């Protein structure tokens, strides 16, 4: 019997279990991946995953926060 634990040599998913697709950017607001990247993740090579992971920080500005509710109304008030 062996004490070794089998591990896969793969990059972990950036998923943080907040799966909401931004309507304009078409990116997940949680992990910043596109729908295609999310669905293909398990079939991507390690190199492809590394490339996606490297791009994720640059995608954050594409997702603008909504200014709705009270905060949005206050922003639209004339002074």
C-alpha atoms as a PDB file:
ATOM      1  CA  UNK A   1       0.000   0.000   0.000  1.00  0.00           C
ATOM      2  CA  UNK A   2       1.309   3.414  -0.882  1.00  0.00           C
ATOM      3  CA  UNK A   3       0.972   6.614   1.132  1.00  0.00           C
ATOM      4  CA  UNK A   4       1.208   8.813  -1.939  1.00  0.00           C
ATOM      5  CA  UNK A   5      -1.785  10.927  -2.804  1.00  0.00           C
ATOM      6  CA  UNK A   6      -2.492  11.156  -6.487  1.00  0.00           C
ATOM      7  CA  UNK A   7      -2.587  14.755  -7.658  1.00  0.00           C
ATOM      8  CA  UNK A   8      -3.293  16.170 -11.073  1.00  0.00           C
ATOM      9  CA  UNK A   9      -0.687  18.468 -12.533  1.00  0.00           C
ATOM     10  CA  UNK A  10      -3.148  21.148 -13.594  1.00  0.00           C
ATOM     11  CA  UNK A  11      -3.764  24.796 -12.936  1.00  0.00           C
ATOM     12  CA  UNK A  12      -6.668  25.255 -10.565  1.00  0.00           C
ATOM     13  CA  UNK A  13      -9.789  26.997 -11.736  1.00  0.00           C
ATOM     14  CA  UNK A  14     -10.138  30.704 -10.926  1.00  0.00           C
ATOM     15  CA  UNK A  15     -13.815  30.091 -10.093  1.00  0.00           C
ATOM     16  CA  UNK A  16     -14.948  31.692  -6.827  1.00  0.00           C
ATOM     17  CA  UNK A  17     -18.525  30.405  -7.128  1.00  0.00           C
ATOM     18  CA  UNK A  18     -20.013  33.787  -8.038  1.00  0.00           C
ATOM     19  CA  UNK A  19     -21.283  32.836 -11.459  1.00  0.00           C
ATOM     20  CA  UNK A  20     -22.953  35.869 -13.002  1.00  0.00           C
ATOM     21  CA  UNK A  21     -22.270  36.888 -16.586  1.00  0.00           C
ATOM     22  CA  UNK A  22     -21.880  40.630 -17.083  1.00  0.00           C
ATOM     23  CA  UNK A  23     -24.351  41.586 -19.850  1.00  0.00           C
ATOM     24  CA  UNK A  24     -22.027  43.951 -21.708  1.00  0.00           C
ATOM     25  CA  UNK A  25     -18.561  42.494 -21.127  1.00  0.00           C
ATOM     26  CA  UNK A  26     -19.839  38.891 -21.468  1.00  0.00           C
ATOM     27  CA  UNK A  27     -17.461  37.855 -18.670  1.00  0.00           C
ATOM     28  CA  UNK A  28     -18.200  36.128 -15.391  1.00  0.00           C
ATOM     29  CA  UNK A  29     -18.180  38.751 -12.638  1.00  0.00           C
ATOM     30  CA  UNK A  30     -16.617  36.214 -10.260  1.00  0.00           C
ATOM     31  CA  UNK A  31     -13.696  34.732 -12.196  1.00  0.00           C
ATOM     32  CA  UNK A  32     -13.557  37.086 -15.223  1.00  0.00           C
ATOM     33  CA  UNK A  33     -13.574  34.225 -17.724  1.00  0.00           C
ATOM     34  CA  UNK A  34     -15.767  34.171 -20.829  1.00  0.00           C
ATOM     35  CA  UNK A  35     -18.535  31.610 -21.173  1.00  0.00           C
ATOM     36  CA  UNK A  36     -16.439  29.720 -23.729  1.00  0.00           C
ATOM     37  CA  UNK A  37     -13.436  29.639 -21.399  1.00  0.00           C
ATOM     38  CA  UNK A  38     -15.586  28.363 -18.542  1.00  0.00           C
ATOM     39  CA  UNK A  39     -17.138  25.573 -20.605  1.00  0.00           C
ATOM     40  CA  UNK A  40     -13.823  24.548 -22.192  1.00  0.00           C
ATOM     41  CA  UNK A  41     -11.703  24.789 -19.005  1.00  0.00           C
ATOM     42  CA  UNK A  42     -11.578  21.052 -18.279  1.00  0.00           C
ATOM     43  CA  UNK A  43     -10.531  20.341 -21.874  1.00  0.00           C
ATOM     44  CA  UNK A  44      -7.857  23.058 -22.106  1.00  0.00           C
ATOM     45  CA  UNK A  45      -4.193  22.237 -21.985  1.00  0.00           C
ATOM     46  CA  UNK A  46      -2.082  23.560 -19.113  1.00  0.00           C
ATOM     47  CA  UNK A  47      -0.599  26.149 -21.481  1.00  0.00           C
ATOM     48  CA  UNK A  48      -4.035  27.369 -22.546  1.00  0.00           C
ATOM     49  CA  UNK A  49      -5.121  27.664 -18.910  1.00  0.00           C
ATOM     50  CA  UNK A  50      -1.973  29.593 -18.016  1.00  0.00           C
ATOM     51  CA  UNK A  51      -2.657  32.011 -20.868  1.00  0.00           C
ATOM     52  CA  UNK A  52      -6.222  32.616 -19.657  1.00  0.00           C
ATOM     53  CA  UNK A  53      -5.052  33.046 -16.046  1.00  0.00           C
ATOM     54  CA  UNK A  54      -2.470  35.612 -17.177  1.00  0.00           C
ATOM     55  CA  UNK A  55      -5.172  37.678 -18.931  1.00  0.00           C
ATOM     56  CA  UNK A  56      -7.657  37.740 -16.039  1.00  0.00           C
ATOM     57  CA  UNK A  57      -6.232  40.738 -14.110  1.00  0.00           C
ATOM     58  CA  UNK A  58      -6.458  42.902 -17.236  1.00  0.00           C
ATOM     59  CA  UNK A  59     -10.158  42.085 -17.644  1.00  0.00           C
ATOM     60  CA  UNK A  60     -11.356  43.510 -14.326  1.00  0.00           C
ATOM     61  CA  UNK A  61     -11.794  47.092 -15.654  1.00  0.00           C
ATOM     62  CA  UNK A  62     -14.207  45.772 -18.310  1.00  0.00           C
ATOM     63  CA  UNK A  63     -16.792  45.114 -15.625  1.00  0.00           C
ATOM     64  CA  UNK A  64     -18.249  48.355 -14.381  1.00  0.00           C
ATOM     65  CA  UNK A  65     -20.202  48.383 -11.155  1.00  0.00           C
ATOM     66  CA  UNK A  66     -23.868  49.234 -11.460  1.00  0.00           C
ATOM     67  CA  UNK A  67     -24.980  52.508  -9.957  1.00  0.00           C
ATOM     68  CA  UNK A  68     -28.606  51.700  -9.258  1.00  0.00           C
ATOM     69  CA  UNK A  69     -30.948  52.262  -6.357  1.00  0.00           C
ATOM     70  CA  UNK A  70     -30.487  55.157  -3.955  1.00  0.00           C
ATOM     71  CA  UNK A  71     -26.833  55.644  -4.872  1.00  0.00           C
ATOM     72  CA  UNK A  72     -27.730  55.963  -8.569  1.00  0.00           C
ATOM     73  CA  UNK A  73     -30.544  58.453  -7.925  1.00  0.00           C
ATOM     74  CA  UNK A  74     -28.263  60.626  -5.781  1.00  0.00           C
ATOM     75  CA  UNK A  75     -25.626  60.671  -8.509  1.00  0.00           C
ATOM     76  CA  UNK A  76     -28.194  61.938 -11.038  1.00  0.00           C
ATOM     77  CA  UNK A  77     -29.563  64.763  -8.848  1.00  0.00           C
ATOM     78  CA  UNK A  78     -28.747  68.255 -10.017  1.00  0.00           C
ATOM     79  CA  UNK A  79     -26.941  70.336  -7.387  1.00  0.00           C
END
